[in-house]
Amino acid sequence: MLTYPLMIGTWEIVAIVFVVVLLFGGKKIPELMKGLGKGVKSFKEGINEVEKEIKDMDASLEDKKEEK
């Protein structure tokens, strides 16, 4: 059987969920997921801002190049 890194199966997911429930309890999980979602959203917004700045900088450099 060929195994790949970071390929997890059904039983591994079940074990991870079980450990998370044991550590944090059922009431804390929604709060953790909400915080995780906010973090991912903030990360994506940051990436989009950086991409926009790079595009703006590239456009301004092209404008300067055309002026010469």
PDB file of N, CA and C in Angstrom:
ATOM      1  N   MET A   1       0.841  -1.178   0.000  1.00  0.00           N
ATOM      2  CA  MET A   1       0.000   0.000   0.000  1.00  0.00           C
ATOM      3  C   MET A   1       0.889   1.245   0.000  1.00  0.00           C
ATOM      4  N   LEU A   2       0.556   2.175  -0.847  1.00  0.00           N
ATOM      5  CA  LEU A   2       1.317   3.403  -0.990  1.00  0.00           C
ATOM      6  C   LEU A   2       0.717   4.472  -0.090  1.00  0.00           C
ATOM      7  N   THR A   3       1.524   5.113   0.721  1.00  0.00           N
ATOM      8  CA  THR A   3       1.014   6.172   1.596  1.00  0.00           C
ATOM      9  C   THR A   3       1.596   7.506   1.176  1.00  0.00           C
ATOM     10  N   TYR A   4       0.803   8.527   1.279  1.00  0.00           N
ATOM     11  CA  TYR A   4       1.222   9.880   0.935  1.00  0.00           C
ATOM     12  C   TYR A   4       1.216  10.736   2.193  1.00  0.00           C
ATOM     13  N   PRO A   5       2.173  11.638   2.323  1.00  0.00           N
ATOM     14  CA  PRO A   5       2.159  12.523   3.489  1.00  0.00           C
ATOM     15  C   PRO A   5       0.944  13.443   3.453  1.00  0.00           C
ATOM     16  N   LEU A   6       0.408  13.737   4.601  1.00  0.00           N
ATOM     17  CA  LEU A   6      -0.739  14.622   4.785  1.00  0.00           C
ATOM     18  C   LEU A   6      -2.036  14.073   4.206  1.00  0.00           C
ATOM     19  N   MET A   7      -2.049  12.807   3.857  1.00  0.00           N
ATOM     20  CA  MET A   7      -3.292  12.171   3.412  1.00  0.00           C
ATOM     21  C   MET A   7      -3.868  11.453   4.631  1.00  0.00           C
ATOM     22  N   ILE A   8      -4.956  11.979   5.166  1.00  0.00           N
ATOM     23  CA  ILE A   8      -5.538  11.350   6.340  1.00  0.00           C
ATOM     24  C   ILE A   8      -6.857  10.700   5.952  1.00  0.00           C
ATOM     25  N   GLY A   9      -7.144   9.612   6.586  1.00  0.00           N
ATOM     26  CA  GLY A   9      -8.349   8.860   6.293  1.00  0.00           C
ATOM     27  C   GLY A   9      -9.462   9.170   7.270  1.00  0.00           C
ATOM     28  N   THR A  10     -10.523   8.407   7.143  1.00  0.00           N
ATOM     29  CA  THR A  10     -11.715   8.608   7.961  1.00  0.00           C
ATOM     30  C   THR A  10     -11.424   8.397   9.438  1.00  0.00           C
ATOM     31  N   TRP A  11     -10.682   7.350   9.770  1.00  0.00           N
ATOM     32  CA  TRP A  11     -10.438   7.047  11.181  1.00  0.00           C
ATOM     33  C   TRP A  11      -9.536   8.079  11.837  1.00  0.00           C
ATOM     34  N   GLU A  12      -8.628   8.630  11.062  1.00  0.00           N
ATOM     35  CA  GLU A  12      -7.784   9.683  11.618  1.00  0.00           C
ATOM     36  C   GLU A  12      -8.608  10.927  11.923  1.00  0.00           C
ATOM     37  N   ILE A  13      -9.534  11.279  11.041  1.00  0.00           N
ATOM     38  CA  ILE A  13     -10.416  12.429  11.276  1.00  0.00           C
ATOM     39  C   ILE A  13     -11.283  12.192  12.498  1.00  0.00           C
ATOM     40  N   VAL A  14     -11.815  10.975  12.624  1.00  0.00           N
ATOM     41  CA  VAL A  14     -12.641  10.643  13.788  1.00  0.00           C
ATOM     42  C   VAL A  14     -11.821  10.776  15.067  1.00  0.00           C
ATOM     43  N   ALA A  15     -10.599  10.299  15.058  1.00  0.00           N
ATOM     44  CA  ALA A  15      -9.737  10.381  16.242  1.00  0.00           C
ATOM     45  C   ALA A  15      -9.431  11.838  16.587  1.00  0.00           C
ATOM     46  N   ILE A  16      -9.155  12.667  15.583  1.00  0.00           N
ATOM     47  CA  ILE A  16      -8.864  14.081  15.831  1.00  0.00           C
ATOM     48  C   ILE A  16     -10.075  14.779  16.427  1.00  0.00           C
ATOM     49  N   VAL A  17     -11.251  14.544  15.859  1.00  0.00           N
ATOM     50  CA  VAL A  17     -12.484  15.150  16.390  1.00  0.00           C
ATOM     51  C   VAL A  17     -12.720  14.699  17.822  1.00  0.00           C
ATOM     52  N   PHE A  18     -12.500  13.426  18.109  1.00  0.00           N
ATOM     53  CA  PHE A  18     -12.684  12.899  19.458  1.00  0.00           C
ATOM     54  C   PHE A  18     -11.747  13.578  20.449  1.00  0.00           C
ATOM     55  N   VAL A  19     -10.493  13.760  20.074  1.00  0.00           N
ATOM     56  CA  VAL A  19      -9.529  14.413  20.958  1.00  0.00           C
ATOM     57  C   VAL A  19      -9.912  15.875  21.185  1.00  0.00           C
ATOM     58  N   VAL A  20     -10.353  16.560  20.131  1.00  0.00           N
ATOM     59  CA  VAL A  20     -10.755  17.965  20.270  1.00  0.00           C
ATOM     60  C   VAL A  20     -11.943  18.084  21.214  1.00  0.00           C
ATOM     61  N   VAL A  21     -12.921  17.197  21.076  1.00  0.00           N
ATOM     62  CA  VAL A  21     -14.092  17.236  21.964  1.00  0.00           C
ATOM     63  C   VAL A  21     -13.676  16.950  23.397  1.00  0.00           C
ATOM     64  N   LEU A  22     -12.761  16.019  23.592  1.00  0.00           N
ATOM     65  CA  LEU A  22     -12.294  15.725  24.943  1.00  0.00           C
ATOM     66  C   LEU A  22     -11.547  16.912  25.551  1.00  0.00           C
ATOM     67  N   LEU A  23     -10.720  17.567  24.761  1.00  0.00           N
ATOM     68  CA  LEU A  23      -9.923  18.673  25.287  1.00  0.00           C
ATOM     69  C   LEU A  23     -10.754  19.922  25.563  1.00  0.00           C
ATOM     70  N   PHE A  24     -11.648  20.269  24.647  1.00  0.00           N
ATOM     71  CA  PHE A  24     -12.339  21.552  24.744  1.00  0.00           C
ATOM     72  C   PHE A  24     -13.791  21.451  25.173  1.00  0.00           C
ATOM     73  N   GLY A  25     -14.379  20.312  25.054  1.00  0.00           N
ATOM     74  CA  GLY A  25     -15.787  20.164  25.400  1.00  0.00           C
ATOM     75  C   GLY A  25     -16.678  20.645  24.261  1.00  0.00           C
ATOM     76  N   GLY A  26     -17.901  20.184  24.242  1.00  0.00           N
ATOM     77  CA  GLY A  26     -18.832  20.494  23.160  1.00  0.00           C
ATOM     78  C   GLY A  26     -19.232  21.955  23.089  1.00  0.00           C
ATOM     79  N   LYS A  27     -19.224  22.647  24.211  1.00  0.00           N
ATOM     80  CA  LYS A  27     -19.676  24.043  24.219  1.00  0.00           C
ATOM     81  C   LYS A  27     -18.617  25.008  23.687  1.00  0.00           C
ATOM     82  N   LYS A  28     -17.355  24.663  23.790  1.00  0.00           N
ATOM     83  CA  LYS A  28     -16.275  25.549  23.356  1.00  0.00           C
ATOM     84  C   LYS A  28     -15.987  25.450  21.863  1.00  0.00           C
ATOM     85  N   ILE A  29     -16.355  24.359  21.228  1.00  0.00           N
ATOM     86  CA  ILE A  29     -16.015  24.138  19.821  1.00  0.00           C
ATOM     87  C   ILE A  29     -16.581  25.223  18.909  1.00  0.00           C
ATOM     88  N   PRO A  30     -17.867  25.629  19.036  1.00  0.00           N
ATOM     89  CA  PRO A  30     -18.357  26.700  18.159  1.00  0.00           C
ATOM     90  C   PRO A  30     -17.569  28.005  18.309  1.00  0.00           C
ATOM     91  N   GLU A  31     -17.160  28.324  19.530  1.00  0.00           N
ATOM     92  CA  GLU A  31     -16.358  29.526  19.756  1.00  0.00           C
ATOM     93  C   GLU A  31     -14.995  29.405  19.068  1.00  0.00           C
ATOM     94  N   LEU A  32     -14.388  28.221  19.151  1.00  0.00           N
ATOM     95  CA  LEU A  32     -13.098  27.998  18.500  1.00  0.00           C
ATOM     96  C   LEU A  32     -13.229  28.113  16.983  1.00  0.00           C
ATOM     97  N   MET A  33     -14.271  27.551  16.424  1.00  0.00           N
ATOM     98  CA  MET A  33     -14.472  27.604  14.977  1.00  0.00           C
ATOM     99  C   MET A  33     -14.755  29.031  14.508  1.00  0.00           C
ATOM    100  N   LYS A  34     -15.473  29.799  15.321  1.00  0.00           N
ATOM    101  CA  LYS A  34     -15.743  31.189  14.988  1.00  0.00           C
ATOM    102  C   LYS A  34     -14.436  31.983  14.948  1.00  0.00           C
ATOM    103  N   GLY A  35     -13.595  31.777  15.932  1.00  0.00           N
ATOM    104  CA  GLY A  35     -12.296  32.447  15.966  1.00  0.00           C
ATOM    105  C   GLY A  35     -11.413  32.022  14.800  1.00  0.00           C
ATOM    106  N   LEU A  36     -11.444  30.748  14.460  1.00  0.00           N
ATOM    107  CA  LEU A  36     -10.671  30.251  13.330  1.00  0.00           C
ATOM    108  C   LEU A  36     -11.169  30.875  12.032  1.00  0.00           C
ATOM    109  N   GLY A  37     -12.475  30.972  11.873  1.00  0.00           N
ATOM    110  CA  GLY A  37     -13.049  31.592  10.675  1.00  0.00           C
ATOM    111  C   GLY A  37     -12.657  33.053  10.548  1.00  0.00           C
ATOM    112  N   LYS A  38     -12.682  33.787  11.657  1.00  0.00           N
ATOM    113  CA  LYS A  38     -12.268  35.198  11.633  1.00  0.00           C
ATOM    114  C   LYS A  38     -10.792  35.322  11.259  1.00  0.00           C
ATOM    115  N   GLY A  39      -9.978  34.417  11.766  1.00  0.00           N
ATOM    116  CA  GLY A  39      -8.558  34.441  11.440  1.00  0.00           C
ATOM    117  C   GLY A  39      -8.307  34.178   9.961  1.00  0.00           C
ATOM    118  N   VAL A  40      -9.010  33.213   9.392  1.00  0.00           N
ATOM    119  CA  VAL A  40      -8.854  32.900   7.972  1.00  0.00           C
ATOM    120  C   VAL A  40      -9.324  34.078   7.125  1.00  0.00           C
ATOM    121  N   LYS A  41     -10.449  34.691   7.514  1.00  0.00           N
ATOM    122  CA  LYS A  41     -10.969  35.838   6.768  1.00  0.00           C
ATOM    123  C   LYS A  41      -9.972  36.993   6.800  1.00  0.00           C
ATOM    124  N   SER A  42      -9.396  37.265   7.952  1.00  0.00           N
ATOM    125  CA  SER A  42      -8.417  38.333   8.090  1.00  0.00           C
ATOM    126  C   SER A  42      -7.180  38.043   7.245  1.00  0.00           C
ATOM    127  N   PHE A  43      -6.748  36.797   7.222  1.00  0.00           N
ATOM    128  CA  PHE A  43      -5.586  36.405   6.431  1.00  0.00           C
ATOM    129  C   PHE A  43      -5.846  36.624   4.942  1.00  0.00           C
ATOM    130  N   LYS A  44      -7.030  36.223   4.471  1.00  0.00           N
ATOM    131  CA  LYS A  44      -7.384  36.408   3.060  1.00  0.00           C
ATOM    132  C   LYS A  44      -7.459  37.890   2.699  1.00  0.00           C
ATOM    133  N   GLU A  45      -8.015  38.713   3.585  1.00  0.00           N
ATOM    134  CA  GLU A  45      -8.076  40.161   3.335  1.00  0.00           C
ATOM    135  C   GLU A  45      -6.674  40.743   3.239  1.00  0.00           C
ATOM    136  N   GLY A  46      -5.783  40.302   4.086  1.00  0.00           N
ATOM    137  CA  GLY A  46      -4.401  40.771   4.045  1.00  0.00           C
ATOM    138  C   GLY A  46      -3.715  40.399   2.741  1.00  0.00           C
ATOM    139  N   ILE A  47      -3.939  39.177   2.280  1.00  0.00           N
ATOM    140  CA  ILE A  47      -3.358  38.739   1.010  1.00  0.00           C
ATOM    141  C   ILE A  47      -3.902  39.573  -0.132  1.00  0.00           C
ATOM    142  N   ASN A  48      -5.209  39.826  -0.125  1.00  0.00           N
ATOM    143  CA  ASN A  48      -5.815  40.632  -1.188  1.00  0.00           C
ATOM    144  C   ASN A  48      -5.253  42.051  -1.202  1.00  0.00           C
ATOM    145  N   GLU A  49      -5.030  42.639  -0.029  1.00  0.00           N
ATOM    146  CA  GLU A  49      -4.462  43.983   0.053  1.00  0.00           C
ATOM    147  C   GLU A  49      -3.045  44.017  -0.522  1.00  0.00           C
ATOM    148  N   VAL A  50      -2.252  43.010  -0.203  1.00  0.00           N
ATOM    149  CA  VAL A  50      -0.882  42.957  -0.710  1.00  0.00           C
ATOM    150  C   VAL A  50      -0.895  42.804  -2.230  1.00  0.00           C
ATOM    151  N   GLU A  51      -1.766  41.937  -2.746  1.00  0.00           N
ATOM    152  CA  GLU A  51      -1.859  41.761  -4.200  1.00  0.00           C
ATOM    153  C   GLU A  51      -2.261  43.068  -4.878  1.00  0.00           C
ATOM    154  N   LYS A  52      -3.194  43.798  -4.271  1.00  0.00           N
ATOM    155  CA  LYS A  52      -3.642  45.067  -4.843  1.00  0.00           C
ATOM    156  C   LYS A  52      -2.499  46.075  -4.856  1.00  0.00           C
ATOM    157  N   GLU A  53      -1.739  46.149  -3.770  1.00  0.00           N
ATOM    158  CA  GLU A  53      -0.610  47.068  -3.703  1.00  0.00           C
ATOM    159  C   GLU A  53       0.440  46.732  -4.765  1.00  0.00           C
ATOM    160  N   ILE A  54       0.675  45.450  -4.976  1.00  0.00           N
ATOM    161  CA  ILE A  54       1.656  45.036  -5.982  1.00  0.00           C
ATOM    162  C   ILE A  54       1.172  45.437  -7.374  1.00  0.00           C
ATOM    163  N   LYS A  55      -0.105  45.218  -7.658  1.00  0.00           N
ATOM    164  CA  LYS A  55      -0.650  45.597  -8.961  1.00  0.00           C
ATOM    165  C   LYS A  55      -0.585  47.108  -9.164  1.00  0.00           C
ATOM    166  N   ASP A  56      -0.912  47.877  -8.125  1.00  0.00           N
ATOM    167  CA  ASP A  56      -0.849  49.336  -8.212  1.00  0.00           C
ATOM    168  C   ASP A  56       0.592  49.804  -8.458  1.00  0.00           C
ATOM    169  N   MET A  57       1.530  49.202  -7.752  1.00  0.00           N
ATOM    170  CA  MET A  57       2.927  49.575  -7.904  1.00  0.00           C
ATOM    171  C   MET A  57       3.410  49.234  -9.322  1.00  0.00           C
ATOM    172  N   ASP A  58       3.006  48.081  -9.824  1.00  0.00           N
ATOM    173  CA  ASP A  58       3.382  47.681 -11.170  1.00  0.00           C
ATOM    174  C   ASP A  58       2.810  48.639 -12.206  1.00  0.00           C
ATOM    175  N   ALA A  59       1.553  49.038 -12.014  1.00  0.00           N
ATOM    176  CA  ALA A  59       0.922  49.981 -12.944  1.00  0.00           C
ATOM    177  C   ALA A  59       1.628  51.336 -12.914  1.00  0.00           C
ATOM    178  N   SER A  60       1.994  51.814 -11.730  1.00  0.00           N
ATOM    179  CA  SER A  60       2.678  53.102 -11.643  1.00  0.00           C
ATOM    180  C   SER A  60       4.066  53.034 -12.265  1.00  0.00           C
ATOM    181  N   LEU A  61       4.749  51.908 -12.147  1.00  0.00           N
ATOM    182  CA  LEU A  61       6.061  51.752 -12.783  1.00  0.00           C
ATOM    183  C   LEU A  61       5.932  51.738 -14.299  1.00  0.00           C
ATOM    184  N   GLU A  62       4.877  51.106 -14.799  1.00  0.00           N
ATOM    185  CA  GLU A  62       4.655  51.095 -16.243  1.00  0.00           C
ATOM    186  C   GLU A  62       4.337  52.494 -16.751  1.00  0.00           C
ATOM    187  N   ASP A  63       3.574  53.255 -15.979  1.00  0.00           N
ATOM    188  CA  ASP A  63       3.254  54.641 -16.357  1.00  0.00           C
ATOM    189  C   ASP A  63       4.535  55.487 -16.433  1.00  0.00           C
ATOM    190  N   LYS A  64       5.419  55.329 -15.446  1.00  0.00           N
ATOM    191  CA  LYS A  64       6.683  56.073 -15.437  1.00  0.00           C
ATOM    192  C   LYS A  64       7.558  55.673 -16.618  1.00  0.00           C
ATOM    193  N   LYS A  65       7.518  54.376 -16.962  1.00  0.00           N
ATOM    194  CA  LYS A  65       8.323  53.882 -18.069  1.00  0.00           C
ATOM    195  C   LYS A  65       7.820  54.480 -19.398  1.00  0.00           C
ATOM    196  N   GLU A  66       6.505  54.628 -19.536  1.00  0.00           N
ATOM    197  CA  GLU A  66       5.913  55.184 -20.753  1.00  0.00           C
ATOM    198  C   GLU A  66       6.215  56.678 -20.889  1.00  0.00           C
ATOM    199  N   GLU A  67       6.343  57.391 -19.771  1.00  0.00           N
ATOM    200  CA  GLU A  67       6.623  58.821 -19.788  1.00  0.00           C
ATOM    201  C   GLU A  67       8.008  59.129 -20.338  1.00  0.00           C
ATOM    202  N   LYS A  68       8.932  58.214 -20.180  1.00  0.00           N
ATOM    203  CA  LYS A  68      10.321  58.448 -20.620  1.00  0.00           C
ATOM    204  C   LYS A  68      10.464  58.308 -22.074  1.00  0.00           C
TER     205      LYS A  68
END
